[in-house]
Amino acid sequence: MRALSGADRRLLFDAVIASAFFRLALYFFALERLRGWAARPGRGDRPVDRIVWAIEAATRRVPATTCLSSALALQRLLGANGHESELHIGVAKTAGVFAAHAWVERDGRVLFGESERDAYVPLASWPSDARTHRG
């Protein structure tokens, strides 16, 4: 932590809080409500690559984090910093077992969850508020 800049420490803190919030919120709130919270626009100016780094680091630090809670947290931080994104959920059935996976894309590029994405058939996708996009 000492090697991180103040801005990166703050971003990592925000990512841990967002990851923990969405992890717990999945137990108490409908997914539709969480989608609304995740897609809320903001006026921050953090770069996309640092936000992705922070969520990946937070995912390793928040116990029992799922791909869905991490994807919601990532979409929240991206939107809060003026970046458009799209959260996807896919499903698969392997050996009779149902599984689901969430990932986040921006401008056609997978930012989070790419390693497992190809094994899942897309079921739903939720774009963030397009008005937040700054190009």
C-alpha atoms as a PDB file:
ATOM      1  CA  MET A   1       0.000   0.000   0.000  1.00  0.00           C
ATOM      2  CA  ARG A   2       2.841   2.393   0.737  1.00  0.00           C
ATOM      3  CA  ALA A   3       4.098   2.148  -2.837  1.00  0.00           C
ATOM      4  CA  LEU A   4       0.739   3.349  -4.187  1.00  0.00           C
ATOM      5  CA  SER A   5       0.045   6.974  -4.914  1.00  0.00           C
ATOM      6  CA  GLY A   6      -2.619   8.723  -2.864  1.00  0.00           C
ATOM      7  CA  ALA A   7      -4.984   8.603  -5.841  1.00  0.00           C
ATOM      8  CA  ASP A   8      -4.478   4.847  -6.270  1.00  0.00           C
ATOM      9  CA  ARG A   9      -4.981   4.213  -2.542  1.00  0.00           C
ATOM     10  CA  ARG A  10      -8.254   6.141  -2.672  1.00  0.00           C
ATOM     11  CA  LEU A  11      -9.339   4.270  -5.803  1.00  0.00           C
ATOM     12  CA  LEU A  12      -8.507   0.908  -4.211  1.00  0.00           C
ATOM     13  CA  PHE A  13     -10.479   1.926  -1.113  1.00  0.00           C
ATOM     14  CA  ASP A  14     -13.455   2.882  -3.311  1.00  0.00           C
ATOM     15  CA  ALA A  15     -13.190  -0.440  -5.165  1.00  0.00           C
ATOM     16  CA  VAL A  16     -13.111  -2.463  -1.927  1.00  0.00           C
ATOM     17  CA  ILE A  17     -16.138  -0.562  -0.598  1.00  0.00           C
ATOM     18  CA  ALA A  18     -18.060  -1.004  -3.876  1.00  0.00           C
ATOM     19  CA  SER A  19     -17.173  -4.708  -4.087  1.00  0.00           C
ATOM     20  CA  ALA A  20     -18.199  -5.370  -0.489  1.00  0.00           C
ATOM     21  CA  PHE A  21     -21.380  -3.319  -0.896  1.00  0.00           C
ATOM     22  CA  PHE A  22     -22.538  -5.199  -3.999  1.00  0.00           C
ATOM     23  CA  ARG A  23     -21.531  -8.558  -2.479  1.00  0.00           C
ATOM     24  CA  LEU A  24     -23.780  -7.919   0.525  1.00  0.00           C
ATOM     25  CA  ALA A  25     -26.487  -6.114  -1.446  1.00  0.00           C
ATOM     26  CA  LEU A  26     -27.046  -9.176  -3.642  1.00  0.00           C
ATOM     27  CA  TYR A  27     -28.576 -10.838  -0.575  1.00  0.00           C
ATOM     28  CA  PHE A  28     -30.975  -8.004   0.235  1.00  0.00           C
ATOM     29  CA  PHE A  29     -31.996  -6.202  -2.953  1.00  0.00           C
ATOM     30  CA  ALA A  30     -33.475  -7.111  -6.303  1.00  0.00           C
ATOM     31  CA  LEU A  31     -31.005  -7.215  -9.177  1.00  0.00           C
ATOM     32  CA  GLU A  32     -32.987  -4.502 -10.976  1.00  0.00           C
ATOM     33  CA  ARG A  33     -32.308  -2.095  -8.109  1.00  0.00           C
ATOM     34  CA  LEU A  34     -28.625  -2.999  -8.030  1.00  0.00           C
ATOM     35  CA  ARG A  35     -28.397  -2.413 -11.789  1.00  0.00           C
ATOM     36  CA  GLY A  36     -29.727   1.105 -11.250  1.00  0.00           C
ATOM     37  CA  TRP A  37     -27.148   1.794  -8.566  1.00  0.00           C
ATOM     38  CA  ALA A  38     -24.337   0.360 -10.686  1.00  0.00           C
ATOM     39  CA  ALA A  39     -25.221   2.431 -13.759  1.00  0.00           C
ATOM     40  CA  ARG A  40     -25.508   5.769 -11.973  1.00  0.00           C
ATOM     41  CA  PRO A  41     -23.489   8.453 -13.779  1.00  0.00           C
ATOM     42  CA  GLY A  42     -20.839  10.611 -12.170  1.00  0.00           C
ATOM     43  CA  ARG A  43     -18.220  13.221 -12.966  1.00  0.00           C
ATOM     44  CA  GLY A  44     -14.993  11.607 -11.831  1.00  0.00           C
ATOM     45  CA  ASP A  45     -11.977  11.453 -14.095  1.00  0.00           C
ATOM     46  CA  ARG A  46     -10.124   8.285 -13.175  1.00  0.00           C
ATOM     47  CA  PRO A  47      -8.790   6.315 -16.178  1.00  0.00           C
ATOM     48  CA  VAL A  48     -10.439   3.040 -17.171  1.00  0.00           C
ATOM     49  CA  ASP A  49      -7.292   0.930 -16.749  1.00  0.00           C
ATOM     50  CA  ARG A  50      -6.775   2.088 -13.145  1.00  0.00           C
ATOM     51  CA  ILE A  51     -10.421   1.400 -12.292  1.00  0.00           C
ATOM     52  CA  VAL A  52     -10.126  -2.135 -13.676  1.00  0.00           C
ATOM     53  CA  TRP A  53      -6.889  -2.629 -11.719  1.00  0.00           C
ATOM     54  CA  ALA A  54      -8.600  -1.485  -8.517  1.00  0.00           C
ATOM     55  CA  ILE A  55     -11.585  -3.822  -8.961  1.00  0.00           C
ATOM     56  CA  GLU A  56      -9.312  -6.780  -9.698  1.00  0.00           C
ATOM     57  CA  ALA A  57      -7.299  -5.977  -6.564  1.00  0.00           C
ATOM     58  CA  ALA A  58     -10.474  -5.546  -4.500  1.00  0.00           C
ATOM     59  CA  THR A  59     -11.822  -8.874  -5.758  1.00  0.00           C
ATOM     60  CA  ARG A  60      -8.793 -10.567  -4.190  1.00  0.00           C
ATOM     61  CA  ARG A  61      -9.325  -8.762  -0.881  1.00  0.00           C
ATOM     62  CA  VAL A  62     -13.097  -8.929  -0.321  1.00  0.00           C
ATOM     63  CA  PRO A  63     -14.151 -12.375   0.934  1.00  0.00           C
ATOM     64  CA  ALA A  64     -16.648 -14.394  -1.141  1.00  0.00           C
ATOM     65  CA  THR A  65     -16.688 -11.896  -3.989  1.00  0.00           C
ATOM     66  CA  THR A  66     -18.486 -13.213  -7.067  1.00  0.00           C
ATOM     67  CA  CYS A  67     -18.118 -12.285 -10.703  1.00  0.00           C
ATOM     68  CA  LEU A  68     -21.524 -10.562 -10.509  1.00  0.00           C
ATOM     69  CA  SER A  69     -20.682  -8.446  -7.473  1.00  0.00           C
ATOM     70  CA  SER A  70     -17.344  -7.493  -9.031  1.00  0.00           C
ATOM     71  CA  ALA A  71     -18.973  -6.669 -12.369  1.00  0.00           C
ATOM     72  CA  LEU A  72     -21.569  -4.469 -10.649  1.00  0.00           C
ATOM     73  CA  ALA A  73     -18.816  -2.719  -8.664  1.00  0.00           C
ATOM     74  CA  LEU A  74     -16.781  -2.174 -11.829  1.00  0.00           C
ATOM     75  CA  GLN A  75     -19.744  -0.761 -13.715  1.00  0.00           C
ATOM     76  CA  ARG A  76     -20.432   1.533 -10.739  1.00  0.00           C
ATOM     77  CA  LEU A  77     -16.894   2.907 -10.618  1.00  0.00           C
ATOM     78  CA  LEU A  78     -16.708   3.282 -14.394  1.00  0.00           C
ATOM     79  CA  GLY A  79     -19.992   5.193 -14.460  1.00  0.00           C
ATOM     80  CA  ALA A  80     -18.956   7.329 -11.508  1.00  0.00           C
ATOM     81  CA  ASN A  81     -15.939   8.345 -13.556  1.00  0.00           C
ATOM     82  CA  GLY A  82     -17.841   9.112 -16.741  1.00  0.00           C
ATOM     83  CA  HIS A  83     -17.094   5.895 -18.622  1.00  0.00           C
ATOM     84  CA  GLU A  84     -19.771   3.954 -20.475  1.00  0.00           C
ATOM     85  CA  SER A  85     -19.816   0.177 -20.057  1.00  0.00           C
ATOM     86  CA  GLU A  86     -22.023  -2.844 -20.540  1.00  0.00           C
ATOM     87  CA  LEU A  87     -22.498  -5.606 -17.983  1.00  0.00           C
ATOM     88  CA  HIS A  88     -23.239  -9.050 -19.434  1.00  0.00           C
ATOM     89  CA  ILE A  89     -24.559 -12.212 -17.833  1.00  0.00           C
ATOM     90  CA  GLY A  90     -24.158 -15.564 -19.518  1.00  0.00           C
ATOM     91  CA  VAL A  91     -25.267 -19.072 -18.641  1.00  0.00           C
ATOM     92  CA  ALA A  92     -23.907 -22.556 -19.271  1.00  0.00           C
ATOM     93  CA  LYS A  93     -24.865 -26.119 -18.462  1.00  0.00           C
ATOM     94  CA  THR A  94     -21.983 -28.524 -18.132  1.00  0.00           C
ATOM     95  CA  ALA A  95     -22.496 -32.132 -17.062  1.00  0.00           C
ATOM     96  CA  GLY A  96     -26.026 -31.247 -15.960  1.00  0.00           C
ATOM     97  CA  VAL A  97     -24.879 -28.387 -13.716  1.00  0.00           C
ATOM     98  CA  PHE A  98     -26.176 -24.860 -14.364  1.00  0.00           C
ATOM     99  CA  ALA A  99     -23.656 -22.023 -14.057  1.00  0.00           C
ATOM    100  CA  ALA A 100     -23.691 -18.288 -14.667  1.00  0.00           C
ATOM    101  CA  HIS A 101     -20.958 -15.740 -15.263  1.00  0.00           C
ATOM    102  CA  ALA A 102     -20.841 -11.938 -15.420  1.00  0.00           C
ATOM    103  CA  TRP A 103     -18.416  -9.758 -17.345  1.00  0.00           C
ATOM    104  CA  VAL A 104     -18.051  -6.090 -18.269  1.00  0.00           C
ATOM    105  CA  GLU A 105     -17.252  -4.648 -21.686  1.00  0.00           C
ATOM    106  CA  ARG A 106     -16.423  -1.155 -22.876  1.00  0.00           C
ATOM    107  CA  ASP A 107     -16.288  -0.242 -26.552  1.00  0.00           C
ATOM    108  CA  GLY A 108     -16.360  -3.958 -27.481  1.00  0.00           C
ATOM    109  CA  ARG A 109     -13.404  -4.825 -25.221  1.00  0.00           C
ATOM    110  CA  VAL A 110     -13.852  -7.103 -22.213  1.00  0.00           C
ATOM    111  CA  LEU A 111     -12.554  -5.324 -19.114  1.00  0.00           C
ATOM    112  CA  PHE A 112     -13.415  -7.929 -16.486  1.00  0.00           C
ATOM    113  CA  GLY A 113     -14.351 -11.608 -16.639  1.00  0.00           C
ATOM    114  CA  GLU A 114     -12.891 -12.442 -20.037  1.00  0.00           C
ATOM    115  CA  SER A 115     -11.145 -15.676 -19.070  1.00  0.00           C
ATOM    116  CA  GLU A 116     -14.419 -17.567 -18.570  1.00  0.00           C
ATOM    117  CA  ARG A 117     -16.712 -15.625 -20.896  1.00  0.00           C
ATOM    118  CA  ASP A 118     -16.423 -17.869 -23.953  1.00  0.00           C
ATOM    119  CA  ALA A 119     -17.915 -20.855 -22.105  1.00  0.00           C
ATOM    120  CA  TYR A 120     -21.208 -18.988 -21.501  1.00  0.00           C
ATOM    121  CA  VAL A 121     -24.151 -18.177 -23.735  1.00  0.00           C
ATOM    122  CA  PRO A 122     -25.096 -14.500 -23.298  1.00  0.00           C
ATOM    123  CA  LEU A 123     -28.439 -14.154 -21.512  1.00  0.00           C
ATOM    124  CA  ALA A 124     -28.712 -10.461 -20.604  1.00  0.00           C
ATOM    125  CA  SER A 125     -26.759  -7.249 -20.978  1.00  0.00           C
ATOM    126  CA  TRP A 126     -27.161  -3.940 -19.236  1.00  0.00           C
ATOM    127  CA  PRO A 127     -25.536  -0.773 -20.563  1.00  0.00           C
ATOM    128  CA  SER A 128     -24.638   2.025 -18.231  1.00  0.00           C
ATOM    129  CA  ASP A 129     -26.110   5.444 -18.828  1.00  0.00           C
ATOM    130  CA  ALA A 130     -24.894   6.501 -22.306  1.00  0.00           C
ATOM    131  CA  ARG A 131     -24.906  10.155 -21.253  1.00  0.00           C
ATOM    132  CA  THR A 132     -21.787   9.507 -19.166  1.00  0.00           C
ATOM    133  CA  HIS A 133     -19.618   8.575 -22.160  1.00  0.00           C
ATOM    134  CA  ARG A 134     -16.775  11.039 -22.800  1.00  0.00           C
ATOM    135  CA  GLY A 135     -15.191   9.284 -25.766  1.00  0.00           C
END
